[in-house]
């Protein structure tokens, strides 16, 4: 694993909850994800890991950034981030954020293969998994089928 930015490396040692969502969302998934994010963001002991790529994932990230929980952002491209976006700066400076770039990543553009590698990494580094929406024919479905149902929460 490569740390893209210094960030709070201690977040990787904490128990993590993954948040992922299919690109195609349902109204129930959106409402469920927003409600979940508003609750979990105030728990300073929580640490949420995700790629924050789909529209719903980005919306949830914005909600989490307004809270107190830790956030790990896993990037699916080879070049590490050089600066912290303004949206994330406060959480980064407060020690609530860590950017991670996967080792051996060979692309600068996020595609199906790099997103799948990132999602496998996210799921393997979390003990509980929350999905905003899970499309049965989407890229996440095969990954979810191998996870114990007791570790899953599908919001819509």
N, C-alpha and C. Protein backbone atom coordinates (compact mmCIF):
# COMPACT_ATOMS: atom_id res chain seq x y z
N UNK A 1 0.83 -1.17 0.00
CA UNK A 1 0.00 0.00 0.00
C UNK A 1 0.88 1.24 0.00
N UNK A 2 0.46 2.26 -0.73
CA UNK A 2 1.19 3.51 -0.81
C UNK A 2 0.30 4.61 -0.26
N UNK A 3 0.82 5.41 0.63
CA UNK A 3 0.04 6.55 1.12
C UNK A 3 0.25 7.67 0.11
N UNK A 4 -0.82 8.19 -0.46
CA UNK A 4 -0.71 9.26 -1.43
C UNK A 4 -0.27 10.56 -0.77
N UNK A 5 -0.83 10.86 0.35
CA UNK A 5 -0.52 12.05 1.12
C UNK A 5 -0.25 11.59 2.54
N UNK A 6 0.44 12.43 3.34
CA UNK A 6 0.72 11.99 4.70
C UNK A 6 -0.53 11.54 5.45
N UNK A 7 -1.58 12.32 5.49
CA UNK A 7 -2.83 11.90 6.12
C UNK A 7 -2.64 11.21 7.45
N UNK A 8 -3.70 10.73 8.00
CA UNK A 8 -3.67 10.04 9.29
C UNK A 8 -3.55 8.53 9.03
N UNK A 9 -2.34 8.02 9.03
CA UNK A 9 -2.09 6.61 8.75
C UNK A 9 -2.71 5.70 9.82
N UNK A 10 -2.98 6.23 11.01
CA UNK A 10 -3.59 5.43 12.06
C UNK A 10 -4.98 4.95 11.66
N UNK A 11 -5.62 5.62 10.71
CA UNK A 11 -6.95 5.20 10.27
C UNK A 11 -6.92 3.79 9.68
N UNK A 12 -5.82 3.39 9.08
CA UNK A 12 -5.74 2.05 8.48
C UNK A 12 -5.70 0.97 9.55
N UNK A 13 -5.31 1.31 10.76
CA UNK A 13 -5.27 0.34 11.85
C UNK A 13 -6.61 0.18 12.56
N UNK A 14 -7.56 1.04 12.25
CA UNK A 14 -8.86 0.97 12.91
C UNK A 14 -9.80 0.03 12.17
N UNK A 15 -10.80 -0.46 12.87
CA UNK A 15 -11.85 -1.24 12.22
C UNK A 15 -12.60 -0.31 11.28
N UNK A 16 -12.83 -0.77 10.06
CA UNK A 16 -13.43 0.09 9.05
C UNK A 16 -14.75 -0.46 8.52
N UNK A 17 -15.61 0.47 8.13
CA UNK A 17 -16.87 0.17 7.45
C UNK A 17 -16.70 0.65 6.02
N UNK A 18 -16.98 -0.23 5.06
CA UNK A 18 -16.89 0.21 3.67
C UNK A 18 -18.23 0.79 3.23
N UNK A 19 -18.15 1.78 2.34
CA UNK A 19 -19.36 2.29 1.69
C UNK A 19 -19.11 2.27 0.19
N UNK A 20 -19.96 1.55 -0.52
CA UNK A 20 -19.91 1.48 -1.98
C UNK A 20 -21.33 1.56 -2.50
N UNK A 21 -21.46 1.95 -3.76
CA UNK A 21 -22.78 2.00 -4.38
C UNK A 21 -22.65 1.81 -5.88
N UNK A 22 -23.62 1.15 -6.44
CA UNK A 22 -23.69 1.04 -7.89
C UNK A 22 -23.94 2.42 -8.48
N UNK A 23 -23.60 2.58 -9.74
CA UNK A 23 -23.84 3.86 -10.40
C UNK A 23 -25.32 4.14 -10.57
N UNK A 24 -26.09 3.10 -10.88
CA UNK A 24 -27.54 3.25 -11.01
C UNK A 24 -28.15 3.12 -9.62
N UNK A 25 -28.84 4.17 -9.20
CA UNK A 25 -29.37 4.20 -7.84
C UNK A 25 -30.89 4.19 -7.84
N UNK A 26 -31.45 3.84 -6.71
CA UNK A 26 -32.89 3.89 -6.49
C UNK A 26 -33.17 5.01 -5.49
N UNK A 27 -34.39 5.55 -5.51
CA UNK A 27 -34.72 6.57 -4.50
C UNK A 27 -34.53 6.06 -3.07
N UNK A 28 -34.88 4.79 -2.84
CA UNK A 28 -34.69 4.21 -1.50
C UNK A 28 -33.22 4.16 -1.12
N UNK A 29 -32.37 3.85 -2.10
CA UNK A 29 -30.93 3.80 -1.84
C UNK A 29 -30.36 5.16 -1.51
N UNK A 30 -30.81 6.18 -2.23
CA UNK A 30 -30.34 7.54 -1.98
C UNK A 30 -30.77 8.00 -0.59
N UNK A 31 -32.05 7.85 -0.30
CA UNK A 31 -32.54 8.29 1.02
C UNK A 31 -31.90 7.49 2.15
N UNK A 32 -31.75 6.18 1.95
CA UNK A 32 -31.12 5.35 2.97
C UNK A 32 -29.67 5.73 3.20
N UNK A 33 -28.95 5.98 2.12
CA UNK A 33 -27.53 6.36 2.23
C UNK A 33 -27.36 7.70 2.92
N UNK A 34 -28.20 8.67 2.57
CA UNK A 34 -28.12 9.98 3.21
C UNK A 34 -28.40 9.86 4.71
N UNK A 35 -29.44 9.11 5.07
CA UNK A 35 -29.77 8.93 6.49
C UNK A 35 -28.66 8.23 7.24
N UNK A 36 -28.10 7.17 6.63
CA UNK A 36 -27.01 6.43 7.27
C UNK A 36 -25.80 7.34 7.48
N UNK A 37 -25.45 8.11 6.44
CA UNK A 37 -24.27 8.99 6.52
C UNK A 37 -24.46 10.06 7.61
N UNK A 38 -25.65 10.61 7.70
CA UNK A 38 -25.90 11.64 8.72
C UNK A 38 -25.74 11.07 10.13
N UNK A 39 -26.09 9.81 10.32
CA UNK A 39 -25.96 9.19 11.65
C UNK A 39 -24.50 8.83 11.96
N UNK A 40 -23.85 8.14 11.01
CA UNK A 40 -22.50 7.62 11.27
C UNK A 40 -21.45 8.73 11.34
N UNK A 41 -21.70 9.84 10.66
CA UNK A 41 -20.67 10.90 10.60
C UNK A 41 -20.36 11.51 11.96
N UNK A 42 -21.29 11.41 12.91
CA UNK A 42 -21.06 12.01 14.23
C UNK A 42 -20.32 11.07 15.18
N UNK A 43 -20.07 9.84 14.75
CA UNK A 43 -19.37 8.86 15.58
C UNK A 43 -17.86 8.98 15.32
N UNK A 44 -17.16 9.62 16.23
CA UNK A 44 -15.73 9.85 16.06
C UNK A 44 -14.93 8.55 16.05
N UNK A 45 -15.50 7.47 16.57
CA UNK A 45 -14.78 6.20 16.56
C UNK A 45 -14.96 5.45 15.25
N UNK A 46 -15.91 5.87 14.42
CA UNK A 46 -16.15 5.20 13.14
C UNK A 46 -15.10 5.60 12.11
N UNK A 47 -14.79 4.65 11.23
CA UNK A 47 -13.87 4.93 10.13
C UNK A 47 -14.49 4.32 8.87
N UNK A 48 -14.75 5.15 7.88
CA UNK A 48 -15.43 4.73 6.66
C UNK A 48 -14.42 4.72 5.52
N UNK A 49 -14.36 3.61 4.80
CA UNK A 49 -13.44 3.47 3.68
C UNK A 49 -14.24 3.34 2.39
N UNK A 50 -13.79 4.02 1.35
CA UNK A 50 -14.49 3.95 0.07
C UNK A 50 -13.65 4.53 -1.05
N UNK A 51 -14.17 4.37 -2.25
CA UNK A 51 -13.52 4.95 -3.42
C UNK A 51 -14.13 6.28 -3.80
N UNK A 52 -15.36 6.49 -3.37
CA UNK A 52 -16.05 7.76 -3.52
C UNK A 52 -16.10 8.19 -4.98
N UNK A 53 -16.42 7.25 -5.86
CA UNK A 53 -16.42 7.53 -7.29
C UNK A 53 -17.82 7.73 -7.87
N UNK A 54 -18.78 6.88 -7.53
CA UNK A 54 -20.13 7.03 -8.09
C UNK A 54 -20.78 8.29 -7.52
N UNK A 55 -21.81 8.74 -8.15
CA UNK A 55 -22.49 9.95 -7.69
C UNK A 55 -22.97 9.85 -6.26
N UNK A 56 -23.58 8.73 -5.90
CA UNK A 56 -24.06 8.56 -4.53
C UNK A 56 -22.89 8.47 -3.55
N UNK A 57 -21.82 7.81 -3.95
CA UNK A 57 -20.64 7.74 -3.08
C UNK A 57 -20.08 9.14 -2.81
N UNK A 58 -20.04 9.98 -3.83
CA UNK A 58 -19.55 11.35 -3.65
C UNK A 58 -20.47 12.16 -2.73
N UNK A 59 -21.79 11.97 -2.90
CA UNK A 59 -22.74 12.66 -2.01
C UNK A 59 -22.53 12.24 -0.56
N UNK A 60 -22.36 10.94 -0.33
CA UNK A 60 -22.14 10.43 1.03
C UNK A 60 -20.83 10.97 1.58
N UNK A 61 -19.79 11.03 0.76
CA UNK A 61 -18.51 11.60 1.22
C UNK A 61 -18.71 13.04 1.70
N UNK A 62 -19.45 13.82 0.96
CA UNK A 62 -19.69 15.21 1.37
C UNK A 62 -20.40 15.27 2.72
N UNK A 63 -21.34 14.38 2.95
CA UNK A 63 -22.02 14.34 4.25
C UNK A 63 -21.06 13.92 5.37
N UNK A 64 -20.23 12.91 5.09
CA UNK A 64 -19.29 12.43 6.11
C UNK A 64 -18.25 13.50 6.47
N UNK A 65 -17.84 14.27 5.49
CA UNK A 65 -16.84 15.32 5.74
C UNK A 65 -17.34 16.38 6.71
N UNK A 66 -18.65 16.50 6.86
CA UNK A 66 -19.23 17.48 7.78
C UNK A 66 -19.32 16.95 9.22
N UNK A 67 -18.86 15.73 9.43
CA UNK A 67 -18.99 15.11 10.74
C UNK A 67 -17.67 14.97 11.47
N UNK A 68 -17.56 13.87 12.25
CA UNK A 68 -16.37 13.64 13.07
C UNK A 68 -15.70 12.30 12.79
N UNK A 69 -16.28 11.47 11.94
CA UNK A 69 -15.73 10.13 11.69
C UNK A 69 -14.46 10.21 10.84
N UNK A 70 -13.67 9.12 10.88
CA UNK A 70 -12.50 9.01 10.03
C UNK A 70 -12.92 8.55 8.64
N UNK A 71 -12.14 8.95 7.63
CA UNK A 71 -12.46 8.61 6.24
C UNK A 71 -11.19 8.19 5.52
N UNK A 72 -11.26 7.04 4.85
CA UNK A 72 -10.15 6.58 4.01
C UNK A 72 -10.64 6.62 2.57
N UNK A 73 -9.93 7.35 1.72
CA UNK A 73 -10.28 7.48 0.32
C UNK A 73 -9.28 6.67 -0.50
N UNK A 74 -9.75 5.61 -1.13
CA UNK A 74 -8.88 4.72 -1.90
C UNK A 74 -8.98 5.11 -3.37
N UNK A 75 -7.86 5.49 -3.96
CA UNK A 75 -7.84 5.93 -5.35
C UNK A 75 -7.47 4.78 -6.27
N UNK A 76 -8.07 4.77 -7.45
CA UNK A 76 -7.84 3.69 -8.42
C UNK A 76 -7.03 4.21 -9.60
N UNK A 77 -5.94 4.89 -9.32
CA UNK A 77 -5.06 5.37 -10.38
C UNK A 77 -3.63 5.37 -9.86
N UNK A 78 -2.68 5.40 -10.80
CA UNK A 78 -1.28 5.19 -10.39
C UNK A 78 -0.60 6.39 -9.76
N UNK A 79 -0.94 7.58 -10.17
CA UNK A 79 -0.24 8.74 -9.63
C UNK A 79 -0.93 9.25 -8.37
N UNK A 80 -0.19 9.29 -7.29
CA UNK A 80 -0.77 9.77 -6.04
C UNK A 80 -1.21 11.22 -6.14
N UNK A 81 -2.21 11.54 -5.37
CA UNK A 81 -2.71 12.91 -5.30
C UNK A 81 -1.62 13.80 -4.72
N UNK A 82 -1.47 14.98 -5.28
CA UNK A 82 -0.43 15.91 -4.81
C UNK A 82 -1.00 16.98 -3.86
N UNK A 83 -2.28 17.28 -4.00
CA UNK A 83 -2.90 18.30 -3.14
C UNK A 83 -4.23 17.78 -2.62
N UNK A 84 -4.66 18.37 -1.54
CA UNK A 84 -5.95 18.01 -0.95
C UNK A 84 -7.00 18.95 -1.52
N UNK A 85 -8.08 18.40 -2.10
CA UNK A 85 -9.15 19.28 -2.60
C UNK A 85 -9.73 20.13 -1.47
N UNK A 86 -10.19 21.31 -1.80
CA UNK A 86 -10.73 22.23 -0.81
C UNK A 86 -11.84 21.58 0.02
N UNK A 87 -12.68 20.78 -0.61
CA UNK A 87 -13.77 20.11 0.08
C UNK A 87 -13.27 19.24 1.24
N UNK A 88 -12.09 18.66 1.09
CA UNK A 88 -11.55 17.71 2.07
C UNK A 88 -10.54 18.32 3.03
N UNK A 89 -10.15 19.54 2.80
CA UNK A 89 -9.04 20.13 3.54
C UNK A 89 -9.25 20.15 5.05
N UNK A 90 -10.43 20.54 5.51
CA UNK A 90 -10.67 20.63 6.95
C UNK A 90 -10.55 19.26 7.62
N UNK A 91 -11.14 18.24 7.02
CA UNK A 91 -11.06 16.88 7.58
C UNK A 91 -9.62 16.38 7.54
N UNK A 92 -8.89 16.69 6.48
CA UNK A 92 -7.50 16.27 6.36
C UNK A 92 -6.66 16.90 7.46
N UNK A 93 -6.83 18.20 7.66
CA UNK A 93 -6.06 18.92 8.69
C UNK A 93 -6.43 18.48 10.10
N UNK A 94 -7.65 17.99 10.27
CA UNK A 94 -8.10 17.52 11.58
C UNK A 94 -7.67 16.07 11.85
N UNK A 95 -6.97 15.44 10.89
CA UNK A 95 -6.51 14.07 11.08
C UNK A 95 -7.61 13.03 10.87
N UNK A 96 -8.65 13.39 10.13
CA UNK A 96 -9.78 12.49 9.91
C UNK A 96 -9.75 11.85 8.53
N UNK A 97 -8.72 12.12 7.73
CA UNK A 97 -8.73 11.68 6.34
C UNK A 97 -7.38 11.09 5.94
N UNK A 98 -7.45 10.05 5.13
CA UNK A 98 -6.25 9.44 4.56
C UNK A 98 -6.55 9.07 3.12
N UNK A 99 -5.66 9.44 2.22
CA UNK A 99 -5.73 9.02 0.82
C UNK A 99 -4.82 7.82 0.64
N UNK A 100 -5.30 6.81 -0.07
CA UNK A 100 -4.52 5.61 -0.35
C UNK A 100 -4.52 5.35 -1.85
N UNK A 101 -3.34 5.11 -2.40
CA UNK A 101 -3.21 4.68 -3.79
C UNK A 101 -2.75 3.24 -3.77
N UNK A 102 -3.37 2.39 -4.55
CA UNK A 102 -3.03 0.97 -4.56
C UNK A 102 -1.66 0.73 -5.18
N UNK A 103 -0.87 -0.16 -4.62
CA UNK A 103 0.42 -0.48 -5.21
C UNK A 103 0.23 -1.23 -6.53
N UNK A 104 1.08 -0.96 -7.48
CA UNK A 104 1.04 -1.67 -8.75
C UNK A 104 -0.02 -1.17 -9.71
N UNK A 105 -0.72 -0.11 -9.35
CA UNK A 105 -1.73 0.44 -10.27
C UNK A 105 -1.01 1.01 -11.48
N UNK A 106 -1.54 0.75 -12.66
CA UNK A 106 -0.82 1.11 -13.89
C UNK A 106 -1.53 2.16 -14.73
N UNK A 107 -2.63 2.70 -14.26
CA UNK A 107 -3.37 3.64 -15.07
C UNK A 107 -3.58 4.97 -14.36
N UNK A 108 -3.70 6.02 -15.16
CA UNK A 108 -4.04 7.33 -14.61
C UNK A 108 -5.53 7.59 -14.73
N UNK A 109 -6.21 6.76 -15.52
CA UNK A 109 -7.65 6.90 -15.71
C UNK A 109 -8.36 5.74 -15.04
N UNK A 110 -9.43 6.04 -14.37
CA UNK A 110 -10.18 5.00 -13.68
C UNK A 110 -11.07 4.30 -14.70
N UNK A 111 -10.88 3.00 -14.83
CA UNK A 111 -11.68 2.19 -15.73
C UNK A 111 -12.29 1.02 -14.96
N UNK A 112 -12.92 0.14 -15.68
CA UNK A 112 -13.60 -1.00 -15.06
C UNK A 112 -12.63 -1.86 -14.25
N UNK A 113 -11.47 -2.17 -14.83
CA UNK A 113 -10.51 -3.05 -14.15
C UNK A 113 -9.92 -2.39 -12.90
N UNK A 114 -9.53 -1.12 -13.01
CA UNK A 114 -8.93 -0.46 -11.84
C UNK A 114 -9.99 -0.22 -10.75
N UNK A 115 -11.23 0.08 -11.15
CA UNK A 115 -12.30 0.24 -10.16
C UNK A 115 -12.58 -1.08 -9.45
N UNK A 116 -12.54 -2.18 -10.18
CA UNK A 116 -12.76 -3.50 -9.56
C UNK A 116 -11.65 -3.82 -8.56
N UNK A 117 -10.39 -3.54 -8.93
CA UNK A 117 -9.28 -3.77 -7.99
C UNK A 117 -9.45 -2.91 -6.74
N UNK A 118 -9.82 -1.65 -6.93
CA UNK A 118 -10.03 -0.76 -5.79
C UNK A 118 -11.16 -1.28 -4.91
N UNK A 119 -12.27 -1.69 -5.51
CA UNK A 119 -13.41 -2.17 -4.72
C UNK A 119 -13.06 -3.44 -3.95
N UNK A 120 -12.29 -4.34 -4.55
CA UNK A 120 -11.84 -5.55 -3.82
C UNK A 120 -10.97 -5.15 -2.63
N UNK A 121 -10.09 -4.18 -2.83
CA UNK A 121 -9.24 -3.70 -1.75
C UNK A 121 -10.09 -3.12 -0.61
N UNK A 122 -11.06 -2.30 -0.97
CA UNK A 122 -11.93 -1.68 0.03
C UNK A 122 -12.67 -2.75 0.84
N UNK A 123 -13.25 -3.71 0.15
CA UNK A 123 -14.01 -4.76 0.85
C UNK A 123 -13.10 -5.63 1.71
N UNK A 124 -11.87 -5.86 1.27
CA UNK A 124 -10.96 -6.71 2.05
C UNK A 124 -10.38 -5.98 3.26
N UNK A 125 -10.49 -4.66 3.29
CA UNK A 125 -9.96 -3.88 4.41
C UNK A 125 -11.06 -3.30 5.29
N UNK A 126 -12.22 -3.93 5.26
CA UNK A 126 -13.31 -3.49 6.13
C UNK A 126 -14.02 -4.71 6.71
N UNK A 127 -14.59 -4.52 7.88
CA UNK A 127 -15.25 -5.64 8.55
C UNK A 127 -16.77 -5.60 8.38
N UNK A 128 -17.30 -4.46 7.96
CA UNK A 128 -18.74 -4.34 7.71
C UNK A 128 -18.90 -3.54 6.42
N UNK A 129 -19.91 -3.87 5.63
CA UNK A 129 -20.03 -3.32 4.28
C UNK A 129 -21.42 -2.73 4.07
N UNK A 130 -21.47 -1.45 3.72
CA UNK A 130 -22.72 -0.76 3.47
C UNK A 130 -22.77 -0.41 1.98
N UNK A 131 -23.90 -0.72 1.37
CA UNK A 131 -24.10 -0.43 -0.05
C UNK A 131 -25.30 0.48 -0.19
N UNK A 132 -25.11 1.62 -0.86
CA UNK A 132 -26.22 2.53 -1.11
C UNK A 132 -27.26 1.84 -1.98
N UNK A 133 -26.85 1.43 -3.15
CA UNK A 133 -27.67 0.65 -4.06
C UNK A 133 -26.78 -0.42 -4.64
N UNK A 134 -27.33 -1.58 -4.84
CA UNK A 134 -26.57 -2.71 -5.38
C UNK A 134 -27.32 -3.27 -6.59
N UNK A 135 -26.82 -2.96 -7.78
CA UNK A 135 -27.45 -3.47 -9.01
C UNK A 135 -27.07 -4.93 -9.20
N UNK A 136 -28.04 -5.81 -9.44
CA UNK A 136 -27.73 -7.24 -9.59
C UNK A 136 -26.82 -7.53 -10.78
N UNK A 137 -26.84 -6.68 -11.79
CA UNK A 137 -25.98 -6.90 -12.96
C UNK A 137 -24.78 -5.96 -12.99
N UNK A 138 -24.51 -5.27 -11.87
CA UNK A 138 -23.40 -4.33 -11.81
C UNK A 138 -22.08 -4.98 -11.43
N UNK A 139 -21.04 -4.18 -11.39
CA UNK A 139 -19.69 -4.67 -11.07
C UNK A 139 -19.54 -5.10 -9.62
N UNK A 140 -20.37 -4.57 -8.73
CA UNK A 140 -20.26 -4.91 -7.31
C UNK A 140 -20.87 -6.27 -6.98
N UNK A 141 -21.87 -6.68 -7.75
CA UNK A 141 -22.62 -7.91 -7.42
C UNK A 141 -21.73 -9.13 -7.23
N UNK A 142 -20.79 -9.42 -8.13
CA UNK A 142 -19.94 -10.60 -7.92
C UNK A 142 -19.07 -10.50 -6.66
N UNK A 143 -18.66 -9.29 -6.31
CA UNK A 143 -17.83 -9.10 -5.12
C UNK A 143 -18.64 -9.35 -3.85
N UNK A 144 -19.89 -8.92 -3.87
CA UNK A 144 -20.75 -9.04 -2.70
C UNK A 144 -21.13 -10.49 -2.43
N UNK A 145 -21.25 -11.28 -3.48
CA UNK A 145 -21.68 -12.67 -3.30
C UNK A 145 -20.72 -13.48 -2.44
N UNK A 146 -19.47 -13.05 -2.32
CA UNK A 146 -18.50 -13.80 -1.52
C UNK A 146 -18.44 -13.30 -0.06
N UNK A 147 -19.20 -12.27 0.29
CA UNK A 147 -19.15 -11.71 1.65
C UNK A 147 -20.22 -12.36 2.52
N UNK A 148 -19.93 -12.57 3.80
CA UNK A 148 -20.94 -13.10 4.71
C UNK A 148 -22.11 -12.12 4.83
N UNK A 149 -23.33 -12.63 4.76
CA UNK A 149 -24.52 -11.77 4.80
C UNK A 149 -24.61 -11.00 6.12
N UNK A 150 -24.02 -11.51 7.17
CA UNK A 150 -24.07 -10.83 8.47
C UNK A 150 -23.23 -9.55 8.48
N UNK A 151 -22.40 -9.36 7.45
CA UNK A 151 -21.55 -8.16 7.38
C UNK A 151 -22.07 -7.16 6.36
N UNK A 152 -23.28 -7.37 5.84
CA UNK A 152 -23.80 -6.54 4.75
C UNK A 152 -25.01 -5.72 5.18
N UNK A 153 -25.08 -4.50 4.65
CA UNK A 153 -26.26 -3.66 4.78
C UNK A 153 -26.47 -3.01 3.41
N UNK A 154 -27.56 -3.37 2.75
CA UNK A 154 -27.92 -2.78 1.47
C UNK A 154 -29.08 -1.84 1.72
N UNK A 155 -28.87 -0.56 1.43
CA UNK A 155 -29.84 0.48 1.80
C UNK A 155 -30.95 0.66 0.78
N UNK A 156 -30.73 0.24 -0.44
CA UNK A 156 -31.79 0.40 -1.45
C UNK A 156 -31.58 -0.46 -2.66
